Amino acid sequence: MVLIMPVSPPEHGLMYTANNIKLKLGDKVVGEGTIYIAQNTLSWQPSDLAEGISIEWKQVSLHGISSNPRKCIYFMLDHKVEWSGVYGDPPQPAVNGQNGAGAAAGNDAEVDEGNGSDEHDEEENFEDAVDEQFEEVTECWLLPDDIHTVDTMYSAMTTCQALHPDSADSDSEDSDPMEDAGGMDDEDMEQDALTLGRNGGEVGGMQNLSLDDDDERFEDADE
């Protein structure tokens, strides 16, 4: 969750704090303020605004050290930040006339079938989908006055984010590869192997092949 609200120092789990940290969202530098890197949230309170921003670690999809525009912290949110009057204000709704024109264009496209427009429409739809997906993220930079603090900030962020692993990664790590492959663990495979030796049956669709018959065929050939 990303909250736009007045930010104060967290009561518990504060790992790092510093003043004179600029926050850049997208292509806009919001201002300068105080950063709070805590176990549960990454927060920043600007010095010239009443409200700051508080970010849960699960919203931070990646972070690292960047050299652009200078040595700083870069991180990406899997959330489109909308900070009224500051950044990401939602677009104004389209006027009725424009919507009607769009609908008319859509009707014409349905009539002109077989003229190659379908393939062109598919390409445009794919590009629009990529653009929409990228619009759902927010690129962010933390720009300290003292670049020597960047490594310390990065270390604190890495420690905090490790406390909140992605749920998909956790499920993947907890899964048993043998069960994922076929639902058979080592004990089941061992039991089936014993049964195979006693009965000459099949396990997992693989038939047990005996060499006795082949030996007899080879003896006949020699005679």
Protein backbone atom coordinates (compact mmCIF):
# COMPACT_ATOMS: atom_id res chain seq x y z
CA MET A 1 0.00 0.00 0.00
CA VAL A 2 1.17 3.52 -0.83
CA LEU A 3 -0.28 6.23 1.39
CA ILE A 4 -0.14 10.00 0.96
CA MET A 5 -0.27 11.31 4.52
CA PRO A 6 1.69 13.29 7.12
CA VAL A 7 4.72 11.19 8.02
CA SER A 8 6.29 10.98 11.46
CA PRO A 9 9.19 8.87 12.75
CA PRO A 10 8.06 5.24 13.24
CA GLU A 11 7.84 4.06 16.83
CA HIS A 12 9.36 0.65 16.11
CA GLY A 13 11.80 -0.87 13.66
CA LEU A 14 13.54 2.27 12.41
CA MET A 15 16.69 1.21 10.53
CA TYR A 16 17.85 4.51 9.03
CA THR A 17 16.82 8.15 8.87
CA ALA A 18 18.38 11.25 7.30
CA ASN A 19 17.49 14.80 6.39
CA ASN A 20 18.12 16.69 3.14
CA ILE A 21 16.99 13.81 0.92
CA LYS A 22 15.38 14.78 -2.37
CA LEU A 23 12.64 12.52 -3.76
CA LYS A 24 12.18 12.23 -7.51
CA LEU A 25 9.05 10.57 -8.91
CA GLY A 26 9.17 9.89 -12.62
CA ASP A 27 10.63 13.01 -14.21
CA LYS A 28 9.70 15.35 -11.33
CA VAL A 29 11.68 16.23 -8.21
CA VAL A 30 9.00 16.54 -5.55
CA GLY A 31 11.21 18.35 -3.04
CA GLU A 32 13.61 17.83 -0.17
CA GLY A 33 12.78 16.17 3.11
CA THR A 34 13.44 13.43 5.66
CA ILE A 35 13.65 9.73 4.87
CA TYR A 36 12.60 6.99 7.29
CA ILE A 37 13.67 3.45 6.40
CA ALA A 38 11.84 1.12 8.79
CA GLN A 39 11.16 -2.61 8.92
CA ASN A 40 7.60 -2.24 7.61
CA THR A 41 7.65 0.94 5.53
CA LEU A 42 9.76 3.33 3.50
CA SER A 43 8.56 6.87 4.28
CA TRP A 44 9.53 10.37 3.20
CA GLN A 45 8.26 13.67 4.62
CA PRO A 46 8.99 16.81 2.58
CA SER A 47 9.99 19.92 4.44
CA ASP A 48 7.66 22.23 2.48
CA LEU A 49 4.49 20.08 2.27
CA ALA A 50 2.00 18.96 4.87
CA GLU A 51 1.80 15.42 3.50
CA GLY A 52 4.50 12.90 2.74
CA ILE A 53 4.50 9.39 1.32
CA SER A 54 4.56 6.04 3.13
CA ILE A 55 5.27 2.85 1.16
CA GLU A 56 4.94 -0.76 2.27
CA TRP A 57 7.89 -2.90 1.21
CA LYS A 58 5.74 -5.29 -0.83
CA GLN A 59 5.05 -2.38 -3.20
CA VAL A 60 8.79 -1.99 -3.91
CA SER A 61 9.43 -4.32 -6.83
CA LEU A 62 13.18 -3.56 -7.01
CA HIS A 63 15.80 -1.18 -5.68
CA GLY A 64 19.45 -0.46 -6.30
CA ILE A 65 22.24 2.10 -6.49
CA SER A 66 22.14 4.37 -9.54
CA SER A 67 24.64 6.86 -10.94
CA ASN A 68 22.00 8.93 -12.77
CA PRO A 69 21.70 11.87 -12.26
CA ARG A 70 24.38 11.22 -9.60
CA LYS A 71 25.03 8.45 -7.11
CA CYS A 72 21.65 7.82 -5.51
CA ILE A 73 19.03 5.19 -4.69
CA TYR A 74 16.71 4.01 -7.44
CA PHE A 75 13.59 1.98 -6.73
CA MET A 76 10.45 1.02 -8.59
CA LEU A 77 6.92 0.71 -7.24
CA ASP A 78 4.41 -1.72 -8.72
CA HIS A 79 1.83 0.98 -8.07
CA LYS A 80 0.94 4.16 -9.92
CA VAL A 81 1.41 6.98 -7.44
CA GLU A 82 -1.31 9.62 -7.48
CA TRP A 83 -0.35 12.52 -5.26
CA SER A 84 -2.88 15.30 -5.68
CA GLY A 85 -1.25 18.54 -6.77
CA VAL A 86 2.20 16.95 -6.68
CA TYR A 87 2.45 13.96 -9.01
CA GLY A 88 0.35 11.58 -11.08
CA ASP A 89 -3.00 13.37 -11.01
CA PRO A 90 -5.55 11.18 -12.85
CA PRO A 91 -6.38 12.39 -16.40
CA GLN A 92 -9.53 14.35 -17.02
CA PRO A 93 -12.44 12.39 -18.53
CA ALA A 94 -12.88 12.70 -22.28
CA VAL A 95 -15.67 14.91 -23.61
CA ASN A 96 -18.71 13.26 -25.16
CA GLY A 97 -17.87 14.40 -28.66
CA GLN A 98 -14.50 12.67 -28.57
CA ASN A 99 -16.02 9.48 -27.22
CA GLY A 100 -18.61 9.51 -30.00
CA ALA A 101 -15.91 9.93 -32.61
CA GLY A 102 -14.03 6.98 -31.17
CA ALA A 103 -17.16 4.83 -31.30
CA ALA A 104 -17.78 5.82 -34.91
CA ALA A 105 -14.23 4.90 -35.84
CA GLY A 106 -14.69 1.55 -34.14
CA ASN A 107 -17.84 0.85 -36.20
CA ASP A 108 -16.00 1.64 -39.44
CA ALA A 109 -13.28 -0.81 -38.48
CA GLU A 110 -15.84 -3.57 -38.07
CA VAL A 111 -17.28 -2.93 -41.54
CA ASP A 112 -13.91 -2.93 -43.33
CA GLU A 113 -13.09 -6.58 -42.76
CA GLY A 114 -10.44 -8.32 -44.80
CA ASN A 115 -8.48 -5.20 -45.73
CA GLY A 116 -5.52 -5.91 -43.45
CA SER A 117 -6.71 -3.64 -40.65
CA ASP A 118 -7.14 -6.57 -38.21
CA GLU A 119 -3.40 -7.25 -38.10
CA HIS A 120 -2.69 -3.57 -37.63
CA ASP A 121 -5.25 -3.40 -34.81
CA GLU A 122 -3.62 -6.37 -33.07
CA GLU A 123 -0.23 -4.64 -33.15
CA GLU A 124 -1.74 -1.45 -31.75
CA ASN A 125 -3.56 -3.39 -29.03
CA PHE A 126 -0.31 -5.11 -28.01
CA GLU A 127 1.55 -1.80 -27.85
CA ASP A 128 -1.28 -0.26 -25.85
CA ALA A 129 -1.19 -3.19 -23.40
CA VAL A 130 2.57 -2.73 -22.90
CA ASP A 131 2.12 1.00 -22.36
CA GLU A 132 -0.69 0.41 -19.86
CA GLN A 133 1.41 -2.12 -17.95
CA PHE A 134 4.32 0.33 -17.74
CA GLU A 135 1.96 3.07 -16.60
CA GLU A 136 1.05 0.92 -13.59
CA VAL A 137 4.53 1.39 -12.07
CA THR A 138 6.33 4.42 -10.67
CA GLU A 139 10.06 5.03 -10.94
CA CYS A 140 11.57 6.73 -7.90
CA TRP A 141 14.92 8.17 -6.86
CA LEU A 142 16.28 9.19 -3.44
CA LEU A 143 18.92 11.89 -3.89
CA PRO A 144 20.92 12.68 -0.73
CA ASP A 145 23.09 15.75 -0.47
CA ASP A 146 25.90 13.54 0.82
CA ILE A 147 26.45 10.73 -1.70
CA HIS A 148 28.51 8.82 0.88
CA THR A 149 25.25 7.89 2.64
CA VAL A 150 23.91 6.02 -0.41
CA ASP A 151 25.58 2.71 0.50
CA THR A 152 24.16 2.87 4.02
CA MET A 153 20.67 3.63 2.69
CA TYR A 154 20.89 0.75 0.23
CA SER A 155 21.98 -1.69 2.94
CA ALA A 156 19.10 -0.65 5.19
CA MET A 157 16.58 -1.01 2.35
CA THR A 158 17.91 -4.45 1.45
CA THR A 159 17.61 -5.62 5.06
CA CYS A 160 14.04 -4.36 5.37
CA GLN A 161 12.85 -5.73 2.04
CA ALA A 162 14.25 -9.15 2.90
CA LEU A 163 11.77 -9.23 5.79
CA HIS A 164 8.90 -9.07 3.27
CA PRO A 165 9.59 -11.64 0.52
CA ASP A 166 7.31 -11.86 -2.46
CA SER A 167 4.57 -14.44 -1.85
CA ALA A 168 5.14 -16.11 -5.24
CA ASP A 169 8.83 -16.61 -4.45
CA SER A 170 7.95 -18.06 -1.04
CA ASP A 171 5.54 -20.56 -2.58
CA SER A 172 8.18 -21.58 -5.10
CA GLU A 173 10.83 -22.12 -2.42
CA ASP A 174 8.47 -24.15 -0.21
CA SER A 175 7.37 -26.48 -3.01
CA ASP A 176 8.80 -30.01 -3.31
CA PRO A 177 10.35 -30.51 -6.75
CA MET A 178 9.61 -34.27 -6.61
CA GLU A 179 5.96 -33.60 -5.87
CA ASP A 180 5.81 -30.95 -8.59
CA ALA A 181 7.33 -33.37 -11.08
CA GLY A 182 4.98 -36.27 -10.47
CA GLY A 183 3.73 -36.40 -6.92
CA MET A 184 6.27 -39.09 -5.86
CA ASP A 185 8.72 -38.55 -3.04
CA ASP A 186 11.81 -40.67 -2.33
CA GLU A 187 9.93 -43.09 -0.06
CA ASP A 188 7.23 -43.72 -2.66
CA MET A 189 9.84 -44.33 -5.36
CA GLU A 190 11.71 -46.79 -3.14
CA GLN A 191 8.52 -48.72 -2.36
CA ASP A 192 7.59 -48.88 -6.04
CA ALA A 193 11.06 -50.14 -6.85
CA LEU A 194 10.65 -53.02 -4.37
CA THR A 195 7.27 -53.87 -5.83
CA LEU A 196 8.75 -53.75 -9.29
CA GLY A 197 11.42 -56.24 -8.36
CA ARG A 198 8.91 -58.68 -6.90
CA ASN A 199 6.18 -58.47 -9.53
CA GLY A 200 7.88 -57.37 -12.74
CA GLY A 201 5.30 -54.63 -13.06
CA GLU A 202 5.39 -51.03 -14.25
CA VAL A 203 6.22 -47.81 -12.42
CA GLY A 204 5.39 -44.40 -13.79
CA GLY A 205 4.63 -45.81 -17.24
CA MET A 206 8.08 -47.46 -17.58
CA GLN A 207 7.97 -51.22 -17.99
CA ASN A 208 10.49 -53.47 -16.23
CA LEU A 209 12.40 -55.32 -18.94
CA SER A 210 13.82 -58.75 -18.21
CA LEU A 211 16.90 -60.06 -20.03
CA ASP A 212 16.02 -63.78 -19.63
CA ASP A 213 14.01 -63.97 -22.86
CA ASP A 214 16.69 -62.13 -24.77
CA ASP A 215 19.33 -64.58 -23.52
CA GLU A 216 17.30 -67.52 -24.86
CA ARG A 217 16.94 -65.84 -28.25
CA PHE A 218 20.68 -65.29 -28.46
CA GLU A 219 21.34 -68.98 -27.63
CA ASP A 220 18.98 -70.08 -30.45
CA ALA A 221 20.80 -67.83 -32.87
CA ASP A 222 24.15 -69.36 -31.94
CA GLU A 223 22.83 -72.89 -32.59
